[in-house]
Amino acid sequence: AARLEQLAAAGRRVLMVGDGLNDAPALAGAYVSLSPASAADVSQT
C-alpha cells in the first residue's frame, strides 16, 4: 500500500493486479485494481 501511495504521489495512476489476502489493502488503494476469480474473497471484494 505504501508503494502504491509513493507512485500516486509521483503522479502515477497504478493498475494493481492481486490475488492474495495480503494484496487487499493495495488493491483498495490503487487507482484501478483487478483480481482473478480464483483469488481470495477479500481480494475480489
ModelCIF file with pLDDT and N, C-alpha, C, O atoms, coordinates in Angstrom:
data_MODEL
#
_entry.id   MODEL 
#
_entity.id                         1 
_entity.type                       polymer 
_entity.pdbx_number_of_molecules   1 
#
_entity_poly.entity_id                      1 
_entity_poly.type                           'polypeptide(L)' 
_entity_poly.nstd_linkage                   no 
_entity_poly.nstd_monomer                   no 
_entity_poly.pdbx_seq_one_letter_code       AARLEQLAAAGRRVLMVGDGLNDAPALAGAYVSLSPASAADVSQT 
_entity_poly.pdbx_seq_one_letter_code_can   AARLEQLAAAGRRVLMVGDGLNDAPALAGAYVSLSPASAADVSQT 
_entity_poly.pdbx_strand_id                 A 
#
loop_
_entity_poly_seq.entity_id 
_entity_poly_seq.num 
_entity_poly_seq.mon_id 
_entity_poly_seq.hetero 
1 1  ALA n 
1 2  ALA n 
1 3  ARG n 
1 4  LEU n 
1 5  GLU n 
1 6  GLN n 
1 7  LEU n 
1 8  ALA n 
1 9  ALA n 
1 10 ALA n 
1 11 GLY n 
1 12 ARG n 
1 13 ARG n 
1 14 VAL n 
1 15 LEU n 
1 16 MET n 
1 17 VAL n 
1 18 GLY n 
1 19 ASP n 
1 20 GLY n 
1 21 LEU n 
1 22 ASN n 
1 23 ASP n 
1 24 ALA n 
1 25 PRO n 
1 26 ALA n 
1 27 LEU n 
1 28 ALA n 
1 29 GLY n 
1 30 ALA n 
1 31 TYR n 
1 32 VAL n 
1 33 SER n 
1 34 LEU n 
1 35 SER n 
1 36 PRO n 
1 37 ALA n 
1 38 SER n 
1 39 ALA n 
1 40 ALA n 
1 41 ASP n 
1 42 VAL n 
1 43 SER n 
1 44 GLN n 
1 45 THR n 
#
_struct_asym.id          A 
_struct_asym.entity_id   1 
#
loop_
_ma_qa_metric.id 
_ma_qa_metric.mode 
_ma_qa_metric.name 
_ma_qa_metric.software_group_id 
_ma_qa_metric.type 
1 global pLDDT . pLDDT 
2 local  pLDDT . pLDDT 
#
_ma_qa_metric_global.metric_id      1 
_ma_qa_metric_global.metric_value   93.49 
_ma_qa_metric_global.model_id       1 
_ma_qa_metric_global.ordinal_id     1 
#
loop_
_ma_qa_metric_local.label_asym_id 
_ma_qa_metric_local.label_comp_id 
_ma_qa_metric_local.label_seq_id 
_ma_qa_metric_local.metric_id 
_ma_qa_metric_local.metric_value 
_ma_qa_metric_local.model_id 
_ma_qa_metric_local.ordinal_id 
A ALA 1  2 95.00 1 1  
A ALA 2  2 96.00 1 2  
A ARG 3  2 96.00 1 3  
A LEU 4  2 96.00 1 4  
A GLU 5  2 95.00 1 5  
A GLN 6  2 96.00 1 6  
A LEU 7  2 95.00 1 7  
A ALA 8  2 94.00 1 8  
A ALA 9  2 95.00 1 9  
A ALA 10 2 96.00 1 10 
A GLY 11 2 95.00 1 11 
A ARG 12 2 94.00 1 12 
A ARG 13 2 94.00 1 13 
A VAL 14 2 95.00 1 14 
A LEU 15 2 94.00 1 15 
A MET 16 2 95.00 1 16 
A VAL 17 2 94.00 1 17 
A GLY 18 2 93.00 1 18 
A ASP 19 2 91.00 1 19 
A GLY 20 2 88.00 1 20 
A LEU 21 2 89.00 1 21 
A ASN 22 2 90.00 1 22 
A ASP 23 2 94.00 1 23 
A ALA 24 2 93.00 1 24 
A PRO 25 2 94.00 1 25 
A ALA 26 2 95.00 1 26 
A LEU 27 2 95.00 1 27 
A ALA 28 2 93.00 1 28 
A GLY 29 2 92.00 1 29 
A ALA 30 2 95.00 1 30 
A TYR 31 2 94.00 1 31 
A VAL 32 2 94.00 1 32 
A SER 33 2 95.00 1 33 
A LEU 34 2 94.00 1 34 
A SER 35 2 94.00 1 35 
A PRO 36 2 93.00 1 36 
A ALA 37 2 92.00 1 37 
A SER 38 2 90.00 1 38 
A ALA 39 2 91.00 1 39 
A ALA 40 2 90.00 1 40 
A ASP 41 2 92.00 1 41 
A VAL 42 2 93.00 1 42 
A SER 43 2 92.00 1 43 
A GLN 44 2 93.00 1 44 
A THR 45 2 93.00 1 45 
#
loop_
_atom_site.group_PDB 
_atom_site.id 
_atom_site.type_symbol 
_atom_site.label_atom_id 
_atom_site.label_alt_id 
_atom_site.label_comp_id 
_atom_site.label_asym_id 
_atom_site.label_entity_id 
_atom_site.label_seq_id 
_atom_site.pdbx_PDB_ins_code 
_atom_site.Cartn_x 
_atom_site.Cartn_y 
_atom_site.Cartn_z 
_atom_site.occupancy 
_atom_site.B_iso_or_equiv 
_atom_site.pdbx_formal_charge 
_atom_site.auth_seq_id 
_atom_site.auth_comp_id 
_atom_site.auth_asym_id 
_atom_site.auth_atom_id 
_atom_site.pdbx_PDB_model_num 
ATOM 1   N N  . ALA A 1 1  ? 0.837   -1.201  0.000   1.00 95.00 ? 1  ALA A N  1 
ATOM 2   C CA . ALA A 1 1  ? 0.000   0.000   0.000   1.00 95.00 ? 1  ALA A CA 1 
ATOM 3   C C  . ALA A 1 1  ? 0.874   1.254   0.000   1.00 95.00 ? 1  ALA A C  1 
ATOM 4   O O  . ALA A 1 1  ? 0.557   2.231   -0.679  1.00 95.00 ? 1  ALA A O  1 
ATOM 5   N N  . ALA A 1 2  ? 1.969   1.230   0.757   1.00 96.00 ? 2  ALA A N  1 
ATOM 6   C CA . ALA A 1 2  ? 2.876   2.382   0.805   1.00 96.00 ? 2  ALA A CA 1 
ATOM 7   C C  . ALA A 1 2  ? 3.525   2.619   -0.558  1.00 96.00 ? 2  ALA A C  1 
ATOM 8   O O  . ALA A 1 2  ? 3.699   3.765   -0.972  1.00 96.00 ? 2  ALA A O  1 
ATOM 9   N N  . ARG A 1 3  ? 3.881   1.551   -1.250  1.00 96.00 ? 3  ARG A N  1 
ATOM 10  C CA . ARG A 1 3  ? 4.498   1.712   -2.578  1.00 96.00 ? 3  ARG A CA 1 
ATOM 11  C C  . ARG A 1 3  ? 3.497   2.338   -3.557  1.00 96.00 ? 3  ARG A C  1 
ATOM 12  O O  . ARG A 1 3  ? 3.864   3.196   -4.360  1.00 96.00 ? 3  ARG A O  1 
ATOM 13  N N  . LEU A 1 4  ? 2.247   1.909   -3.489  1.00 96.00 ? 4  LEU A N  1 
ATOM 14  C CA . LEU A 1 4  ? 1.230   2.498   -4.351  1.00 96.00 ? 4  LEU A CA 1 
ATOM 15  C C  . LEU A 1 4  ? 1.014   3.972   -4.016  1.00 96.00 ? 4  LEU A C  1 
ATOM 16  O O  . LEU A 1 4  ? 0.784   4.787   -4.910  1.00 96.00 ? 4  LEU A O  1 
ATOM 17  N N  . GLU A 1 5  ? 1.086   4.310   -2.737  1.00 95.00 ? 5  GLU A N  1 
ATOM 18  C CA . GLU A 1 5  ? 0.962   5.709   -2.329  1.00 95.00 ? 5  GLU A CA 1 
ATOM 19  C C  . GLU A 1 5  ? 2.133   6.530   -2.868  1.00 95.00 ? 5  GLU A C  1 
ATOM 20  O O  . GLU A 1 5  ? 1.943   7.668   -3.296  1.00 95.00 ? 5  GLU A O  1 
ATOM 21  N N  . GLN A 1 6  ? 3.349   5.959   -2.851  1.00 96.00 ? 6  GLN A N  1 
ATOM 22  C CA . GLN A 1 6  ? 4.518   6.653   -3.412  1.00 96.00 ? 6  GLN A CA 1 
ATOM 23  C C  . GLN A 1 6  ? 4.315   6.925   -4.900  1.00 96.00 ? 6  GLN A C  1 
ATOM 24  O O  . GLN A 1 6  ? 4.583   8.025   -5.384  1.00 96.00 ? 6  GLN A O  1 
ATOM 25  N N  . LEU A 1 7  ? 3.845   5.922   -5.606  1.00 95.00 ? 7  LEU A N  1 
ATOM 26  C CA . LEU A 1 7  ? 3.623   6.075   -7.040  1.00 95.00 ? 7  LEU A CA 1 
ATOM 27  C C  . LEU A 1 7  ? 2.537   7.119   -7.320  1.00 95.00 ? 7  LEU A C  1 
ATOM 28  O O  . LEU A 1 7  ? 2.667   7.925   -8.242  1.00 95.00 ? 7  LEU A O  1 
ATOM 29  N N  . ALA A 1 8  ? 1.478   7.098   -6.526  1.00 94.00 ? 8  ALA A N  1 
ATOM 30  C CA . ALA A 1 8  ? 0.398   8.078   -6.691  1.00 94.00 ? 8  ALA A CA 1 
ATOM 31  C C  . ALA A 1 8  ? 0.908   9.492   -6.405  1.00 94.00 ? 8  ALA A C  1 
ATOM 32  O O  . ALA A 1 8  ? 0.550   10.437  -7.108  1.00 94.00 ? 8  ALA A O  1 
ATOM 33  N N  . ALA A 1 9  ? 1.746   9.636   -5.371  1.00 95.00 ? 9  ALA A N  1 
ATOM 34  C CA . ALA A 1 9  ? 2.306   10.942  -5.032  1.00 95.00 ? 9  ALA A CA 1 
ATOM 35  C C  . ALA A 1 9  ? 3.196   11.468  -6.160  1.00 95.00 ? 9  ALA A C  1 
ATOM 36  O O  . ALA A 1 9  ? 3.358   12.677  -6.321  1.00 95.00 ? 9  ALA A O  1 
ATOM 37  N N  . ALA A 1 10 ? 3.770   10.548  -6.937  1.00 96.00 ? 10 ALA A N  1 
ATOM 38  C CA . ALA A 1 10 ? 4.614   10.929  -8.075  1.00 96.00 ? 10 ALA A CA 1 
ATOM 39  C C  . ALA A 1 10 ? 3.779   11.167  -9.336  1.00 96.00 ? 10 ALA A C  1 
ATOM 40  O O  . ALA A 1 10 ? 4.319   11.374  -10.422 1.00 96.00 ? 10 ALA A O  1 
ATOM 41  N N  . GLY A 1 11 ? 2.461   11.134  -9.174  1.00 95.00 ? 11 GLY A N  1 
ATOM 42  C CA . GLY A 1 11 ? 1.582   11.398  -10.310 1.00 95.00 ? 11 GLY A CA 1 
ATOM 43  C C  . GLY A 1 11 ? 1.250   10.187  -11.157 1.00 95.00 ? 11 GLY A C  1 
ATOM 44  O O  . GLY A 1 11 ? 0.718   10.330  -12.258 1.00 95.00 ? 11 GLY A O  1 
ATOM 45  N N  . ARG A 1 12 ? 1.551   9.011   -10.669 1.00 94.00 ? 12 ARG A N  1 
ATOM 46  C CA . ARG A 1 12 ? 1.285   7.791   -11.424 1.00 94.00 ? 12 ARG A CA 1 
ATOM 47  C C  . ARG A 1 12 ? -0.111  7.275   -11.123 1.00 94.00 ? 12 ARG A C  1 
ATOM 48  O O  . ARG A 1 12 ? -0.598  7.391   -9.999  1.00 94.00 ? 12 ARG A O  1 
ATOM 49  N N  . ARG A 1 13 ? -0.745  6.708   -12.128 1.00 94.00 ? 13 ARG A N  1 
ATOM 50  C CA . ARG A 1 13 ? -2.048  6.054   -11.947 1.00 94.00 ? 13 ARG A CA 1 
ATOM 51  C C  . ARG A 1 13 ? -1.784  4.558   -12.053 1.00 94.00 ? 13 ARG A C  1 
ATOM 52  O O  . ARG A 1 13 ? -1.516  4.032   -13.133 1.00 94.00 ? 13 ARG A O  1 
ATOM 53  N N  . VAL A 1 14 ? -1.864  3.893   -10.922 1.00 95.00 ? 14 VAL A N  1 
ATOM 54  C CA . VAL A 1 14 ? -1.448  2.500   -10.823 1.00 95.00 ? 14 VAL A CA 1 
ATOM 55  C C  . VAL A 1 14 ? -2.624  1.548   -11.044 1.00 95.00 ? 14 VAL A C  1 
ATOM 56  O O  . VAL A 1 14 ? -3.694  1.693   -10.453 1.00 95.00 ? 14 VAL A O  1 
ATOM 57  N N  . LEU A 1 15 ? -2.384  0.577   -11.911 1.00 94.00 ? 15 LEU A N  1 
ATOM 58  C CA . LEU A 1 15 ? -3.294  -0.555  -12.087 1.00 94.00 ? 15 LEU A CA 1 
ATOM 59  C C  . LEU A 1 15 ? -2.661  -1.698  -11.304 1.00 94.00 ? 15 LEU A C  1 
ATOM 60  O O  . LEU A 1 15 ? -1.562  -2.147  -11.629 1.00 94.00 ? 15 LEU A O  1 
ATOM 61  N N  . MET A 1 16 ? -3.347  -2.157  -10.289 1.00 95.00 ? 16 MET A N  1 
ATOM 62  C CA . MET A 1 16 ? -2.838  -3.234  -9.427  1.00 95.00 ? 16 MET A CA 1 
ATOM 63  C C  . MET A 1 16 ? -3.603  -4.504  -9.739  1.00 95.00 ? 16 MET A C  1 
ATOM 64  O O  . MET A 1 16 ? -4.831  -4.505  -9.811  1.00 95.00 ? 16 MET A O  1 
ATOM 65  N N  . VAL A 1 17 ? -2.856  -5.590  -9.923  1.00 94.00 ? 17 VAL A N  1 
ATOM 66  C CA . VAL A 1 17 ? -3.468  -6.908  -10.081 1.00 94.00 ? 17 VAL A CA 1 
ATOM 67  C C  . VAL A 1 17 ? -2.982  -7.740  -8.910  1.00 94.00 ? 17 VAL A C  1 
ATOM 68  O O  . VAL A 1 17 ? -1.777  -7.882  -8.704  1.00 94.00 ? 17 VAL A O  1 
ATOM 69  N N  . GLY A 1 18 ? -3.909  -8.290  -8.145  1.00 93.00 ? 18 GLY A N  1 
ATOM 70  C CA . GLY A 1 18 ? -3.520  -9.079  -6.987  1.00 93.00 ? 18 GLY A CA 1 
ATOM 71  C C  . GLY A 1 18 ? -4.537  -10.156 -6.685  1.00 93.00 ? 18 GLY A C  1 
ATOM 72  O O  . GLY A 1 18 ? -5.718  -10.038 -7.012  1.00 93.00 ? 18 GLY A O  1 
ATOM 73  N N  . ASP A 1 19 ? -4.045  -11.218 -6.046  1.00 91.00 ? 19 ASP A N  1 
ATOM 74  C CA . ASP A 1 19 ? -4.943  -12.341 -5.758  1.00 91.00 ? 19 ASP A CA 1 
ATOM 75  C C  . ASP A 1 19 ? -4.884  -12.833 -4.329  1.00 91.00 ? 19 ASP A C  1 
ATOM 76  O O  . ASP A 1 19 ? -5.687  -13.678 -3.932  1.00 91.00 ? 19 ASP A O  1 
ATOM 77  N N  . GLY A 1 20 ? -3.958  -12.325 -3.558  1.00 88.00 ? 20 GLY A N  1 
ATOM 78  C CA . GLY A 1 20 ? -3.779  -12.851 -2.212  1.00 88.00 ? 20 GLY A CA 1 
ATOM 79  C C  . GLY A 1 20 ? -4.438  -12.008 -1.136  1.00 88.00 ? 20 GLY A C  1 
ATOM 80  O O  . GLY A 1 20 ? -4.835  -10.865 -1.365  1.00 88.00 ? 20 GLY A O  1 
ATOM 81  N N  . LEU A 1 21 ? -4.540  -12.592 0.022   1.00 89.00 ? 21 LEU A N  1 
ATOM 82  C CA . LEU A 1 21 ? -5.103  -11.911 1.179   1.00 89.00 ? 21 LEU A CA 1 
ATOM 83  C C  . LEU A 1 21 ? -4.311  -10.639 1.486   1.00 89.00 ? 21 LEU A C  1 
ATOM 84  O O  . LEU A 1 21 ? -4.885  -9.612  1.850   1.00 89.00 ? 21 LEU A O  1 
ATOM 85  N N  . ASN A 1 22 ? -2.992  -10.719 1.335   1.00 90.00 ? 22 ASN A N  1 
ATOM 86  C CA . ASN A 1 22 ? -2.158  -9.558  1.657   1.00 90.00 ? 22 ASN A CA 1 
ATOM 87  C C  . ASN A 1 22 ? -2.162  -8.498  0.552   1.00 90.00 ? 22 ASN A C  1 
ATOM 88  O O  . ASN A 1 22 ? -1.510  -7.464  0.703   1.00 90.00 ? 22 ASN A O  1 
ATOM 89  N N  . ASP A 1 23 ? -2.876  -8.725  -0.548  1.00 94.00 ? 23 ASP A N  1 
ATOM 90  C CA . ASP A 1 23 ? -2.982  -7.733  -1.620  1.00 94.00 ? 23 ASP A CA 1 
ATOM 91  C C  . ASP A 1 23 ? -4.172  -6.795  -1.424  1.00 94.00 ? 23 ASP A C  1 
ATOM 92  O O  . ASP A 1 23 ? -4.241  -5.745  -2.063  1.00 94.00 ? 23 ASP A O  1 
ATOM 93  N N  . ALA A 1 24 ? -5.094  -7.156  -0.564  1.00 93.00 ? 24 ALA A N  1 
ATOM 94  C CA . ALA A 1 24 ? -6.344  -6.404  -0.425  1.00 93.00 ? 24 ALA A CA 1 
ATOM 95  C C  . ALA A 1 24 ? -6.143  -4.919  -0.118  1.00 93.00 ? 24 ALA A C  1 
ATOM 96  O O  . ALA A 1 24 ? -6.787  -4.090  -0.760  1.00 93.00 ? 24 ALA A O  1 
ATOM 97  N N  . PRO A 1 25 ? -5.280  -4.542  0.832   1.00 94.00 ? 25 PRO A N  1 
ATOM 98  C CA . PRO A 1 25 ? -5.116  -3.099  1.090   1.00 94.00 ? 25 PRO A CA 1 
ATOM 99  C C  . PRO A 1 25 ? -4.579  -2.346  -0.125  1.00 94.00 ? 25 PRO A C  1 
ATOM 100 O O  . PRO A 1 25 ? -5.025  -1.233  -0.404  1.00 94.00 ? 25 PRO A O  1 
ATOM 101 N N  . ALA A 1 26 ? -3.636  -2.931  -0.846  1.00 95.00 ? 26 ALA A N  1 
ATOM 102 C CA . ALA A 1 26 ? -3.091  -2.278  -2.036  1.00 95.00 ? 26 ALA A CA 1 
ATOM 103 C C  . ALA A 1 26 ? -4.136  -2.219  -3.150  1.00 95.00 ? 26 ALA A C  1 
ATOM 104 O O  . ALA A 1 26 ? -4.233  -1.216  -3.858  1.00 95.00 ? 26 ALA A O  1 
ATOM 105 N N  . LEU A 1 27 ? -4.911  -3.282  -3.305  1.00 95.00 ? 27 LEU A N  1 
ATOM 106 C CA . LEU A 1 27 ? -5.983  -3.283  -4.312  1.00 95.00 ? 27 LEU A CA 1 
ATOM 107 C C  . LEU A 1 27 ? -6.979  -2.166  -4.034  1.00 95.00 ? 27 LEU A C  1 
ATOM 108 O O  . LEU A 1 27 ? -7.425  -1.472  -4.947  1.00 95.00 ? 27 LEU A O  1 
ATOM 109 N N  . ALA A 1 28 ? -7.319  -2.003  -2.760  1.00 93.00 ? 28 ALA A N  1 
ATOM 110 C CA . ALA A 1 28 ? -8.276  -0.962  -2.380  1.00 93.00 ? 28 ALA A CA 1 
ATOM 111 C C  . ALA A 1 28 ? -7.706  0.434   -2.606  1.00 93.00 ? 28 ALA A C  1 
ATOM 112 O O  . ALA A 1 28 ? -8.458  1.371   -2.878  1.00 93.00 ? 28 ALA A O  1 
ATOM 113 N N  . GLY A 1 29 ? -6.393  0.583   -2.498  1.00 92.00 ? 29 GLY A N  1 
ATOM 114 C CA . GLY A 1 29 ? -5.773  1.898   -2.637  1.00 92.00 ? 29 GLY A CA 1 
ATOM 115 C C  . GLY A 1 29 ? -5.301  2.238   -4.034  1.00 92.00 ? 29 GLY A C  1 
ATOM 116 O O  . GLY A 1 29 ? -4.894  3.372   -4.285  1.00 92.00 ? 29 GLY A O  1 
ATOM 117 N N  . ALA A 1 30 ? -5.344  1.286   -4.947  1.00 95.00 ? 30 ALA A N  1 
ATOM 118 C CA . ALA A 1 30 ? -4.860  1.526   -6.309  1.00 95.00 ? 30 ALA A CA 1 
ATOM 119 C C  . ALA A 1 30 ? -5.834  2.397   -7.086  1.00 95.00 ? 30 ALA A C  1 
ATOM 120 O O  . ALA A 1 30 ? -7.020  2.464   -6.760  1.00 95.00 ? 30 ALA A O  1 
ATOM 121 N N  . TYR A 1 31 ? -5.331  3.056   -8.103  1.00 94.00 ? 31 TYR A N  1 
ATOM 122 C CA . TYR A 1 31 ? -6.180  3.869   -8.985  1.00 94.00 ? 31 TYR A CA 1 
ATOM 123 C C  . TYR A 1 31 ? -7.224  2.976   -9.648  1.00 94.00 ? 31 TYR A C  1 
ATOM 124 O O  . TYR A 1 31 ? -8.401  3.327   -9.725  1.00 94.00 ? 31 TYR A O  1 
ATOM 125 N N  . VAL A 1 32 ? -6.774  1.816   -10.127 1.00 94.00 ? 32 VAL A N  1 
ATOM 126 C CA . VAL A 1 32 ? -7.638  0.769   -10.675 1.00 94.00 ? 32 VAL A CA 1 
ATOM 127 C C  . VAL A 1 32 ? -7.075  -0.550  -10.187 1.00 94.00 ? 32 VAL A C  1 
ATOM 128 O O  . VAL A 1 32 ? -5.858  -0.726  -10.145 1.00 94.00 ? 32 VAL A O  1 
ATOM 129 N N  . SER A 1 33 ? -7.945  -1.478  -9.817  1.00 95.00 ? 33 SER A N  1 
ATOM 130 C CA . SER A 1 33 ? -7.439  -2.767  -9.346  1.00 95.00 ? 33 SER A CA 1 
ATOM 131 C C  . SER A 1 33 ? -8.253  -3.911  -9.923  1.00 95.00 ? 33 SER A C  1 
ATOM 132 O O  . SER A 1 33 ? -9.461  -3.806  -10.133 1.00 95.00 ? 33 SER A O  1 
ATOM 133 N N  . LEU A 1 34 ? -7.552  -5.005  -10.171 1.00 94.00 ? 34 LEU A N  1 
ATOM 134 C CA . LEU A 1 34 ? -8.147  -6.211  -10.736 1.00 94.00 ? 34 LEU A CA 1 
ATOM 135 C C  . LEU A 1 34 ? -7.730  -7.414  -9.916  1.00 94.00 ? 34 LEU A C  1 
ATOM 136 O O  . LEU A 1 34 ? -6.661  -7.447  -9.306  1.00 94.00 ? 34 LEU A O  1 
ATOM 137 N N  . SER A 1 35 ? -8.601  -8.391  -9.922  1.00 94.00 ? 35 SER A N  1 
ATOM 138 C CA . SER A 1 35 ? -8.315  -9.627  -9.215  1.00 94.00 ? 35 SER A CA 1 
ATOM 139 C C  . SER A 1 35 ? -8.918  -10.781 -10.012 1.00 94.00 ? 35 SER A C  1 
ATOM 140 O O  . SER A 1 35 ? -10.014 -10.652 -10.556 1.00 94.00 ? 35 SER A O  1 
ATOM 141 N N  . PRO A 1 36 ? -8.213  -11.902 -10.084 1.00 93.00 ? 36 PRO A N  1 
ATOM 142 C CA . PRO A 1 36 ? -8.804  -13.046 -10.781 1.00 93.00 ? 36 PRO A CA 1 
ATOM 143 C C  . PRO A 1 36 ? -9.913  -13.684 -9.943  1.00 93.00 ? 36 PRO A C  1 
ATOM 144 O O  . PRO A 1 36 ? -9.951  -13.529 -8.723  1.00 93.00 ? 36 PRO A O  1 
ATOM 145 N N  . ALA A 1 37 ? -10.802 -14.393 -10.607 1.00 92.00 ? 37 ALA A N  1 
ATOM 146 C CA . ALA A 1 37 ? -11.917 -15.049 -9.918  1.00 92.00 ? 37 ALA A CA 1 
ATOM 147 C C  . ALA A 1 37 ? -11.425 -16.113 -8.945  1.00 92.00 ? 37 ALA A C  1 
ATOM 148 O O  . ALA A 1 37 ? -12.143 -16.488 -8.018  1.00 92.00 ? 37 ALA A O  1 
ATOM 149 N N  . SER A 1 38 ? -10.209 -16.598 -9.149  1.00 90.00 ? 38 SER A N  1 
ATOM 150 C CA . SER A 1 38 ? -9.647  -17.613 -8.267  1.00 90.00 ? 38 SER A CA 1 
ATOM 151 C C  . SER A 1 38 ? -8.988  -17.011 -7.019  1.00 90.00 ? 38 SER A C  1 
ATOM 152 O O  . SER A 1 38 ? -8.463  -17.743 -6.181  1.00 90.00 ? 38 SER A O  1 
ATOM 153 N N  . ALA A 1 39 ? -9.016  -15.698 -6.899  1.00 91.00 ? 39 ALA A N  1 
ATOM 154 C CA . ALA A 1 39 ? -8.353  -15.018 -5.787  1.00 91.00 ? 39 ALA A CA 1 
ATOM 155 C C  . ALA A 1 39 ? -9.125  -15.187 -4.490  1.00 91.00 ? 39 ALA A C  1 
ATOM 156 O O  . ALA A 1 39 ? -10.271 -15.636 -4.473  1.00 91.00 ? 39 ALA A O  1 
ATOM 157 N N  . ALA A 1 40 ? -8.463  -14.815 -3.409  1.00 90.00 ? 40 ALA A N  1 
ATOM 158 C CA . ALA A 1 40 ? -9.112  -14.808 -2.095  1.00 90.00 ? 40 ALA A CA 1 
ATOM 159 C C  . ALA A 1 40 ? -10.309 -13.859 -2.142  1.00 90.00 ? 40 ALA A C  1 
ATOM 160 O O  . ALA A 1 40 ? -10.273 -12.832 -2.820  1.00 90.00 ? 40 ALA A O  1 
ATOM 161 N N  . ASP A 1 41 ? -11.356 -14.210 -1.422  1.00 92.00 ? 41 ASP A N  1 
ATOM 162 C CA . ASP A 1 41 ? -12.580 -13.401 -1.421  1.00 92.00 ? 41 ASP A CA 1 
ATOM 163 C C  . ASP A 1 41 ? -12.314 -11.946 -1.073  1.00 92.00 ? 41 ASP A C  1 
ATOM 164 O O  . ASP A 1 41 ? -12.904 -11.051 -1.678  1.00 92.00 ? 41 ASP A O  1 
ATOM 165 N N  . VAL A 1 42 ? -11.436 -11.694 -0.108  1.00 93.00 ? 42 VAL A N  1 
ATOM 166 C CA . VAL A 1 42 ? -11.161 -10.321 0.314   1.00 93.00 ? 42 VAL A CA 1 
ATOM 167 C C  . VAL A 1 42 ? -10.478 -9.541  -0.811  1.00 93.00 ? 42 VAL A C  1 
ATOM 168 O O  . VAL A 1 42 ? -10.698 -8.337  -0.940  1.00 93.00 ? 42 VAL A O  1 
ATOM 169 N N  . SER A 1 43 ? -9.665  -10.194 -1.613  1.00 92.00 ? 43 SER A N  1 
ATOM 170 C CA . SER A 1 43 ? -9.030  -9.529  -2.754  1.00 92.00 ? 43 SER A CA 1 
ATOM 171 C C  . SER A 1 43 ? -10.057 -9.198  -3.826  1.00 92.00 ? 43 SER A C  1 
ATOM 172 O O  . SER A 1 43 ? -10.027 -8.119  -4.416  1.00 92.00 ? 43 SER A O  1 
ATOM 173 N N  . GLN A 1 44 ? -10.958 -10.128 -4.070  1.00 93.00 ? 44 GLN A N  1 
ATOM 174 C CA . GLN A 1 44 ? -12.010 -9.865  -5.053  1.00 93.00 ? 44 GLN A CA 1 
ATOM 175 C C  . GLN A 1 44 ? -12.891 -8.702  -4.606  1.00 93.00 ? 44 GLN A C  1 
ATOM 176 O O  . GLN A 1 44 ? -13.287 -7.866  -5.417  1.00 93.00 ? 44 GLN A O  1 
ATOM 177 N N  . THR A 1 45 ? -13.188 -8.657  -3.331  1.00 93.00 ? 45 THR A N  1 
ATOM 178 C CA . THR A 1 45 ? -14.031 -7.589  -2.797  1.00 93.00 ? 45 THR A CA 1 
ATOM 179 C C  . THR A 1 45 ? -13.325 -6.241  -2.882  1.00 93.00 ? 45 THR A C  1 
ATOM 180 O O  . THR A 1 45 ? -13.886 -5.223  -2.476  1.00 93.00 ? 45 THR A O  1 
#
